[in-house]
Amino acid sequence: MHHVSIRTANIHRSLPFYETLGYRVTERFTAGMTLACWMEGFGGRLELIEVPQPVHCPDPFGDEGYVGYYHLSLDVSPERLGKASGLGDWLTDLGDRLQAADAGPLKILLSPRQQAIGATIYEVAFIADRDGLPIELLRELGTNPNLRDDAP
């Protein structure tokens, strides 16, 4: 995959959010008559494109009937957690860093909880970016040998 493109109502409001999350701007350019950039982090690339006259879409996280693009998912590995003992502590720190960067408050859509996917146990949380786009944060906790990937 080359990149994931995110359309934003205000690129200058979105940049500090994604920079604080762990992305860095690698290219700035225009797309037609609008501002855009590529950002790298979490092993991938995002493209932010400012929409001059934004029209907000339905809430993909809150509307269970929504069909279409759902969320960006980031692997929050132990290296990214730093001193935090878990995803909850990391989110508290992220909220503090967003405030310090004048990037606004952290919006948590789903507080950290454990989820089994196959035999792997994850700590999972959802946050929202400045335009309300859901972002899933995953941290692998280990495996459960009693849960098999090939179970019906």
N, C-alpha and C. Protein backbone atom coordinates (compact mmCIF):
# COMPACT_ATOMS: atom_id res chain seq x y z
N MET A 1 0.85 -1.17 0.00
CA MET A 1 0.00 0.00 0.00
C MET A 1 0.90 1.24 0.00
N HIS A 2 0.53 2.22 -0.78
CA HIS A 2 1.33 3.44 -0.87
C HIS A 2 0.96 4.44 0.22
N HIS A 3 -0.34 4.69 0.41
CA HIS A 3 -0.77 5.62 1.45
C HIS A 3 -2.27 5.50 1.69
N VAL A 4 -2.70 6.06 2.79
CA VAL A 4 -4.13 6.22 3.12
C VAL A 4 -4.40 7.71 3.06
N SER A 5 -5.45 8.10 2.35
CA SER A 5 -5.77 9.52 2.18
C SER A 5 -6.91 9.91 3.11
N ILE A 6 -6.73 11.02 3.82
CA ILE A 6 -7.73 11.53 4.75
C ILE A 6 -8.06 12.96 4.33
N ARG A 7 -9.33 13.20 4.08
CA ARG A 7 -9.78 14.55 3.74
C ARG A 7 -10.15 15.25 5.04
N THR A 8 -9.63 16.45 5.22
CA THR A 8 -9.82 17.19 6.46
C THR A 8 -10.41 18.57 6.19
N ALA A 9 -11.18 19.05 7.14
CA ALA A 9 -11.78 20.39 7.02
C ALA A 9 -10.73 21.48 7.22
N ASN A 10 -9.67 21.19 7.98
CA ASN A 10 -8.65 22.20 8.28
C ASN A 10 -7.31 21.50 8.50
N ILE A 11 -6.46 21.54 7.51
CA ILE A 11 -5.19 20.83 7.58
C ILE A 11 -4.30 21.36 8.71
N HIS A 12 -4.41 22.66 9.00
CA HIS A 12 -3.58 23.26 10.05
C HIS A 12 -4.02 22.81 11.45
N ARG A 13 -5.25 22.36 11.57
CA ARG A 13 -5.75 21.82 12.84
C ARG A 13 -5.44 20.32 12.93
N SER A 14 -5.42 19.64 11.79
CA SER A 14 -5.16 18.19 11.76
C SER A 14 -3.68 17.85 11.90
N LEU A 15 -2.80 18.69 11.34
CA LEU A 15 -1.36 18.40 11.39
C LEU A 15 -0.84 18.21 12.82
N PRO A 16 -1.11 19.12 13.76
CA PRO A 16 -0.59 18.91 15.12
C PRO A 16 -1.14 17.64 15.77
N PHE A 17 -2.38 17.26 15.44
CA PHE A 17 -2.94 16.02 15.99
C PHE A 17 -2.12 14.82 15.52
N TYR A 18 -1.92 14.70 14.21
CA TYR A 18 -1.20 13.54 13.67
C TYR A 18 0.28 13.58 14.03
N GLU A 19 0.87 14.77 14.13
CA GLU A 19 2.26 14.86 14.58
C GLU A 19 2.40 14.39 16.03
N THR A 20 1.49 14.79 16.88
CA THR A 20 1.53 14.37 18.28
C THR A 20 1.28 12.87 18.39
N LEU A 21 0.45 12.33 17.51
CA LEU A 21 0.18 10.89 17.50
C LEU A 21 1.42 10.09 17.11
N GLY A 22 2.32 10.70 16.33
CA GLY A 22 3.56 10.01 15.97
C GLY A 22 3.92 10.07 14.50
N TYR A 23 3.18 10.81 13.70
CA TYR A 23 3.50 10.97 12.28
C TYR A 23 4.36 12.22 12.08
N ARG A 24 5.13 12.23 10.98
CA ARG A 24 5.91 13.42 10.64
C ARG A 24 5.68 13.76 9.16
N VAL A 25 5.63 15.05 8.88
CA VAL A 25 5.41 15.51 7.51
C VAL A 25 6.66 15.23 6.68
N THR A 26 6.47 14.59 5.52
CA THR A 26 7.59 14.32 4.62
C THR A 26 7.50 15.12 3.33
N GLU A 27 6.29 15.49 2.92
CA GLU A 27 6.09 16.30 1.71
C GLU A 27 4.89 17.21 1.90
N ARG A 28 5.01 18.45 1.45
CA ARG A 28 3.88 19.39 1.40
C ARG A 28 3.65 19.73 -0.06
N PHE A 29 2.38 19.76 -0.47
CA PHE A 29 2.07 20.05 -1.87
C PHE A 29 0.63 20.54 -1.97
N THR A 30 0.24 20.90 -3.17
CA THR A 30 -1.16 21.27 -3.41
C THR A 30 -1.79 20.20 -4.28
N ALA A 31 -3.06 19.98 -4.06
CA ALA A 31 -3.85 19.05 -4.86
C ALA A 31 -4.96 19.89 -5.48
N GLY A 32 -4.76 20.26 -6.74
CA GLY A 32 -5.67 21.23 -7.34
C GLY A 32 -5.42 22.57 -6.67
N MET A 33 -6.44 23.11 -6.03
CA MET A 33 -6.29 24.40 -5.36
C MET A 33 -6.28 24.26 -3.84
N THR A 34 -6.03 23.07 -3.34
CA THR A 34 -6.09 22.87 -1.90
C THR A 34 -4.75 22.38 -1.35
N LEU A 35 -4.56 22.56 -0.06
CA LEU A 35 -3.33 22.15 0.61
C LEU A 35 -3.36 20.66 0.89
N ALA A 36 -2.18 20.04 0.82
CA ALA A 36 -2.06 18.61 1.09
C ALA A 36 -0.66 18.31 1.60
N CYS A 37 -0.52 17.14 2.21
CA CYS A 37 0.81 16.70 2.64
C CYS A 37 0.82 15.19 2.79
N TRP A 38 2.02 14.62 2.77
CA TRP A 38 2.22 13.23 3.13
C TRP A 38 2.88 13.23 4.49
N MET A 39 2.46 12.28 5.32
CA MET A 39 3.03 12.11 6.65
C MET A 39 3.40 10.64 6.80
N GLU A 40 4.53 10.37 7.46
CA GLU A 40 4.95 8.99 7.68
C GLU A 40 5.01 8.68 9.16
N GLY A 41 4.64 7.45 9.50
CA GLY A 41 4.67 6.97 10.87
C GLY A 41 3.95 5.64 10.96
N PHE A 42 4.15 4.92 12.02
CA PHE A 42 3.51 3.62 12.24
C PHE A 42 3.71 2.68 11.06
N GLY A 43 4.85 2.80 10.37
CA GLY A 43 5.16 1.91 9.26
C GLY A 43 4.39 2.19 7.99
N GLY A 44 3.75 3.36 7.88
CA GLY A 44 2.97 3.68 6.70
C GLY A 44 2.93 5.17 6.43
N ARG A 45 2.16 5.54 5.42
CA ARG A 45 2.07 6.94 5.01
C ARG A 45 0.60 7.37 4.95
N LEU A 46 0.36 8.57 5.47
CA LEU A 46 -0.95 9.22 5.37
C LEU A 46 -0.84 10.39 4.41
N GLU A 47 -1.92 10.66 3.72
CA GLU A 47 -2.03 11.88 2.93
C GLU A 47 -3.18 12.68 3.54
N LEU A 48 -2.90 13.89 3.96
CA LEU A 48 -3.95 14.80 4.42
C LEU A 48 -4.25 15.76 3.30
N ILE A 49 -5.54 15.92 3.00
CA ILE A 49 -5.99 16.85 1.96
C ILE A 49 -7.05 17.74 2.58
N GLU A 50 -6.84 19.05 2.50
CA GLU A 50 -7.83 19.98 3.03
C GLU A 50 -8.96 20.16 2.03
N VAL A 51 -10.19 20.07 2.52
CA VAL A 51 -11.37 20.26 1.70
C VAL A 51 -11.87 21.68 1.92
N PRO A 52 -11.88 22.52 0.87
CA PRO A 52 -12.24 23.93 1.04
C PRO A 52 -13.65 24.17 1.58
N GLN A 53 -14.61 23.39 1.14
CA GLN A 53 -15.99 23.53 1.61
C GLN A 53 -16.46 22.18 2.13
N PRO A 54 -16.03 21.82 3.35
CA PRO A 54 -16.31 20.48 3.86
C PRO A 54 -17.79 20.23 4.14
N VAL A 55 -18.18 19.00 3.86
CA VAL A 55 -19.51 18.50 4.21
C VAL A 55 -19.25 17.25 5.04
N HIS A 56 -19.66 17.27 6.30
CA HIS A 56 -19.37 16.15 7.17
C HIS A 56 -20.29 14.97 6.87
N CYS A 57 -19.68 13.78 6.85
CA CYS A 57 -20.38 12.53 6.55
C CYS A 57 -21.04 11.97 7.80
N PRO A 58 -21.84 10.91 7.63
CA PRO A 58 -22.41 10.24 8.80
C PRO A 58 -21.30 9.76 9.73
N ASP A 59 -21.65 9.51 10.97
CA ASP A 59 -20.70 9.06 11.98
C ASP A 59 -20.43 7.56 11.81
N PRO A 60 -19.28 7.17 11.25
CA PRO A 60 -19.03 5.75 11.02
C PRO A 60 -18.91 4.95 12.32
N PHE A 61 -18.50 5.57 13.41
CA PHE A 61 -18.33 4.85 14.67
C PHE A 61 -19.66 4.71 15.41
N GLY A 62 -20.47 5.76 15.39
CA GLY A 62 -21.70 5.76 16.18
C GLY A 62 -22.92 5.21 15.46
N ASP A 63 -22.87 5.09 14.13
CA ASP A 63 -24.01 4.61 13.36
C ASP A 63 -23.77 3.16 12.96
N GLU A 64 -24.46 2.23 13.64
CA GLU A 64 -24.25 0.80 13.37
C GLU A 64 -24.67 0.39 11.97
N GLY A 65 -25.48 1.19 11.30
CA GLY A 65 -25.91 0.88 9.94
C GLY A 65 -25.01 1.45 8.86
N TYR A 66 -23.99 2.21 9.27
CA TYR A 66 -23.07 2.84 8.32
C TYR A 66 -22.33 1.78 7.52
N VAL A 67 -22.23 1.97 6.21
CA VAL A 67 -21.48 1.07 5.34
C VAL A 67 -20.43 1.91 4.61
N GLY A 68 -19.20 1.43 4.57
CA GLY A 68 -18.14 2.13 3.87
C GLY A 68 -16.87 2.16 4.70
N TYR A 69 -15.97 3.07 4.34
CA TYR A 69 -14.72 3.20 5.07
C TYR A 69 -15.03 3.36 6.55
N TYR A 70 -14.33 2.60 7.40
CA TYR A 70 -14.66 2.61 8.82
C TYR A 70 -13.62 3.29 9.69
N HIS A 71 -12.36 2.83 9.65
CA HIS A 71 -11.36 3.44 10.53
C HIS A 71 -9.94 3.10 10.09
N LEU A 72 -9.03 3.89 10.59
CA LEU A 72 -7.60 3.66 10.49
C LEU A 72 -7.22 2.87 11.72
N SER A 73 -6.35 1.87 11.60
CA SER A 73 -5.95 1.06 12.75
C SER A 73 -4.43 1.12 12.89
N LEU A 74 -3.96 1.45 14.10
CA LEU A 74 -2.53 1.60 14.35
C LEU A 74 -2.08 0.59 15.40
N ASP A 75 -0.96 -0.05 15.14
CA ASP A 75 -0.35 -0.98 16.08
C ASP A 75 0.49 -0.18 17.06
N VAL A 76 0.02 -0.09 18.29
CA VAL A 76 0.75 0.65 19.33
C VAL A 76 1.65 -0.37 20.03
N SER A 77 2.83 -0.54 19.47
CA SER A 77 3.77 -1.53 19.98
C SER A 77 4.40 -1.06 21.29
N PRO A 78 5.06 -1.96 22.00
CA PRO A 78 5.73 -1.54 23.24
C PRO A 78 6.70 -0.39 23.05
N GLU A 79 7.35 -0.30 21.87
CA GLU A 79 8.28 0.81 21.63
C GLU A 79 7.55 2.15 21.65
N ARG A 80 6.32 2.19 21.18
CA ARG A 80 5.54 3.43 21.16
C ARG A 80 4.97 3.78 22.52
N LEU A 81 4.78 2.77 23.37
CA LEU A 81 4.20 3.02 24.68
C LEU A 81 5.14 3.79 25.60
N GLY A 82 6.44 3.68 25.35
CA GLY A 82 7.41 4.38 26.20
C GLY A 82 7.27 3.94 27.64
N LYS A 83 7.10 4.88 28.56
CA LYS A 83 7.02 4.59 29.99
C LYS A 83 5.63 4.10 30.41
N ALA A 84 4.64 4.23 29.53
CA ALA A 84 3.27 3.84 29.87
C ALA A 84 3.19 2.34 30.11
N SER A 85 2.41 1.96 31.10
CA SER A 85 2.27 0.54 31.42
C SER A 85 1.20 -0.12 30.56
N GLY A 86 0.40 0.66 29.88
CA GLY A 86 -0.65 0.11 29.02
C GLY A 86 -1.26 1.19 28.18
N LEU A 87 -2.25 0.82 27.42
CA LEU A 87 -2.89 1.74 26.50
C LEU A 87 -3.59 2.90 27.22
N GLY A 88 -4.18 2.63 28.38
CA GLY A 88 -4.84 3.70 29.15
C GLY A 88 -3.87 4.79 29.55
N ASP A 89 -2.69 4.40 30.08
CA ASP A 89 -1.66 5.38 30.45
C ASP A 89 -1.16 6.13 29.22
N TRP A 90 -1.00 5.41 28.10
CA TRP A 90 -0.51 6.02 26.87
C TRP A 90 -1.51 7.05 26.37
N LEU A 91 -2.82 6.76 26.48
CA LEU A 91 -3.84 7.71 26.05
C LEU A 91 -3.85 8.96 26.94
N THR A 92 -3.63 8.77 28.24
CA THR A 92 -3.54 9.91 29.15
C THR A 92 -2.38 10.80 28.74
N ASP A 93 -1.23 10.18 28.45
CA ASP A 93 -0.05 10.92 28.01
C ASP A 93 -0.32 11.62 26.67
N LEU A 94 -0.98 10.92 25.74
CA LEU A 94 -1.30 11.52 24.44
C LEU A 94 -2.20 12.74 24.64
N GLY A 95 -3.19 12.63 25.51
CA GLY A 95 -4.06 13.78 25.79
C GLY A 95 -3.29 14.96 26.33
N ASP A 96 -2.33 14.69 27.24
CA ASP A 96 -1.49 15.77 27.79
C ASP A 96 -0.63 16.40 26.70
N ARG A 97 -0.07 15.56 25.81
CA ARG A 97 0.78 16.08 24.73
C ARG A 97 -0.03 16.88 23.72
N LEU A 98 -1.26 16.46 23.44
CA LEU A 98 -2.13 17.22 22.53
C LEU A 98 -2.44 18.59 23.11
N GLN A 99 -2.73 18.63 24.40
CA GLN A 99 -3.01 19.91 25.06
C GLN A 99 -1.77 20.81 25.02
N ALA A 100 -0.59 20.23 25.31
CA ALA A 100 0.65 21.00 25.32
C ALA A 100 0.99 21.54 23.93
N ALA A 101 0.62 20.78 22.89
CA ALA A 101 0.89 21.20 21.51
C ALA A 101 -0.21 22.11 20.98
N ASP A 102 -1.15 22.47 21.84
CA ASP A 102 -2.30 23.29 21.46
C ASP A 102 -3.06 22.63 20.30
N ALA A 103 -3.14 21.28 20.35
CA ALA A 103 -3.79 20.50 19.31
C ALA A 103 -5.18 20.04 19.72
N GLY A 104 -5.71 20.61 20.79
CA GLY A 104 -7.06 20.29 21.22
C GLY A 104 -7.13 19.08 22.12
N PRO A 105 -8.31 18.80 22.64
CA PRO A 105 -8.47 17.67 23.56
C PRO A 105 -8.50 16.33 22.83
N LEU A 106 -8.16 15.28 23.54
CA LEU A 106 -8.24 13.93 23.01
C LEU A 106 -9.68 13.45 23.14
N LYS A 107 -10.25 12.97 22.05
CA LYS A 107 -11.59 12.41 22.08
C LYS A 107 -11.49 10.89 22.04
N ILE A 108 -11.88 10.24 23.13
CA ILE A 108 -11.85 8.78 23.22
C ILE A 108 -13.24 8.25 22.88
N LEU A 109 -13.31 7.43 21.84
CA LEU A 109 -14.58 6.84 21.42
C LEU A 109 -14.86 5.53 22.15
N LEU A 110 -13.80 4.78 22.46
CA LEU A 110 -13.92 3.52 23.18
C LEU A 110 -12.70 3.38 24.07
N SER A 111 -12.92 3.30 25.37
CA SER A 111 -11.81 3.15 26.32
C SER A 111 -11.13 1.80 26.13
N PRO A 112 -9.86 1.69 26.53
CA PRO A 112 -9.12 0.44 26.34
C PRO A 112 -9.83 -0.76 26.96
N ARG A 113 -9.83 -1.84 26.21
CA ARG A 113 -10.38 -3.12 26.67
C ARG A 113 -9.69 -4.25 25.94
N GLN A 114 -9.78 -5.44 26.50
CA GLN A 114 -9.16 -6.59 25.87
C GLN A 114 -10.12 -7.22 24.87
N GLN A 115 -9.54 -7.73 23.77
CA GLN A 115 -10.33 -8.39 22.75
C GLN A 115 -9.52 -9.54 22.17
N ALA A 116 -10.14 -10.70 22.07
CA ALA A 116 -9.50 -11.85 21.43
C ALA A 116 -9.85 -11.84 19.96
N ILE A 117 -8.83 -11.94 19.13
CA ILE A 117 -9.01 -12.09 17.68
C ILE A 117 -8.21 -13.32 17.31
N GLY A 118 -8.92 -14.40 17.02
CA GLY A 118 -8.25 -15.68 16.86
C GLY A 118 -7.65 -16.08 18.20
N ALA A 119 -6.41 -16.48 18.20
CA ALA A 119 -5.73 -16.87 19.44
C ALA A 119 -4.98 -15.69 20.07
N THR A 120 -4.99 -14.54 19.42
CA THR A 120 -4.24 -13.39 19.92
C THR A 120 -5.15 -12.50 20.78
N ILE A 121 -4.61 -12.07 21.91
CA ILE A 121 -5.32 -11.16 22.80
C ILE A 121 -4.73 -9.76 22.59
N TYR A 122 -5.61 -8.79 22.35
CA TYR A 122 -5.20 -7.41 22.12
C TYR A 122 -5.82 -6.51 23.18
N GLU A 123 -5.15 -5.40 23.44
CA GLU A 123 -5.75 -4.28 24.14
C GLU A 123 -6.16 -3.32 23.02
N VAL A 124 -7.43 -2.90 23.01
CA VAL A 124 -8.00 -2.13 21.92
C VAL A 124 -8.66 -0.86 22.47
N ALA A 125 -8.48 0.24 21.77
CA ALA A 125 -9.17 1.49 22.08
C ALA A 125 -9.44 2.22 20.78
N PHE A 126 -10.40 3.14 20.79
CA PHE A 126 -10.68 3.98 19.63
C PHE A 126 -10.63 5.43 20.07
N ILE A 127 -9.99 6.26 19.25
CA ILE A 127 -9.98 7.70 19.44
C ILE A 127 -10.49 8.33 18.15
N ALA A 128 -10.71 9.64 18.16
CA ALA A 128 -11.15 10.34 16.95
C ALA A 128 -10.15 11.44 16.62
N ASP A 129 -9.94 11.65 15.32
CA ASP A 129 -9.08 12.77 14.92
C ASP A 129 -9.90 14.05 14.95
N ARG A 130 -9.36 15.15 14.48
CA ARG A 130 -10.00 16.45 14.59
C ARG A 130 -11.29 16.57 13.79
N ASP A 131 -11.47 15.69 12.79
CA ASP A 131 -12.70 15.69 12.00
C ASP A 131 -13.64 14.57 12.39
N GLY A 132 -13.31 13.84 13.45
CA GLY A 132 -14.16 12.75 13.93
C GLY A 132 -13.86 11.39 13.34
N LEU A 133 -12.82 11.28 12.50
CA LEU A 133 -12.46 9.99 11.91
C LEU A 133 -12.02 9.02 13.01
N PRO A 134 -12.64 7.85 13.11
CA PRO A 134 -12.21 6.88 14.13
C PRO A 134 -10.83 6.33 13.84
N ILE A 135 -10.02 6.20 14.90
CA ILE A 135 -8.70 5.60 14.81
C ILE A 135 -8.62 4.52 15.87
N GLU A 136 -8.39 3.29 15.43
CA GLU A 136 -8.26 2.16 16.35
C GLU A 136 -6.81 2.03 16.78
N LEU A 137 -6.60 1.81 18.06
CA LEU A 137 -5.26 1.57 18.59
C LEU A 137 -5.23 0.15 19.13
N LEU A 138 -4.28 -0.65 18.64
CA LEU A 138 -4.14 -2.05 19.04
C LEU A 138 -2.80 -2.28 19.69
N ARG A 139 -2.81 -3.04 20.78
CA ARG A 139 -1.56 -3.45 21.42
C ARG A 139 -1.68 -4.94 21.70
N GLU A 140 -0.78 -5.73 21.09
CA GLU A 140 -0.82 -7.17 21.30
C GLU A 140 -0.36 -7.50 22.71
N LEU A 141 -1.18 -8.30 23.41
CA LEU A 141 -0.85 -8.70 24.77
C LEU A 141 -0.28 -10.11 24.84
N GLY A 142 -0.56 -10.92 23.85
CA GLY A 142 -0.08 -12.31 23.84
C GLY A 142 -1.10 -13.22 23.18
N THR A 143 -0.91 -14.49 23.39
CA THR A 143 -1.82 -15.46 22.80
C THR A 143 -2.45 -16.33 23.88
N ASN A 144 -3.60 -16.86 23.55
CA ASN A 144 -4.29 -17.78 24.43
C ASN A 144 -4.29 -19.13 23.73
N PRO A 145 -3.55 -20.12 24.26
CA PRO A 145 -3.46 -21.42 23.59
C PRO A 145 -4.81 -22.14 23.54
N ASN A 146 -5.76 -21.72 24.36
CA ASN A 146 -7.09 -22.35 24.33
C ASN A 146 -7.95 -21.82 23.19
N LEU A 147 -7.51 -20.73 22.57
CA LEU A 147 -8.22 -20.18 21.42
C LEU A 147 -7.42 -20.50 20.18
N ARG A 148 -8.03 -21.23 19.26
CA ARG A 148 -7.34 -21.63 18.05
C ARG A 148 -7.83 -20.80 16.88
N ASP A 149 -6.91 -20.46 15.97
CA ASP A 149 -7.28 -19.71 14.78
C ASP A 149 -8.20 -20.51 13.85
N ASP A 150 -8.15 -21.84 13.93
CA ASP A 150 -8.95 -22.67 13.03
C ASP A 150 -10.26 -23.14 13.67
N ALA A 151 -10.59 -22.61 14.85
CA ALA A 151 -11.83 -23.01 15.51
C ALA A 151 -13.03 -22.49 14.72
N PRO A 152 -14.13 -23.28 14.68
CA PRO A 152 -15.30 -22.84 13.89
C PRO A 152 -15.97 -21.63 14.51
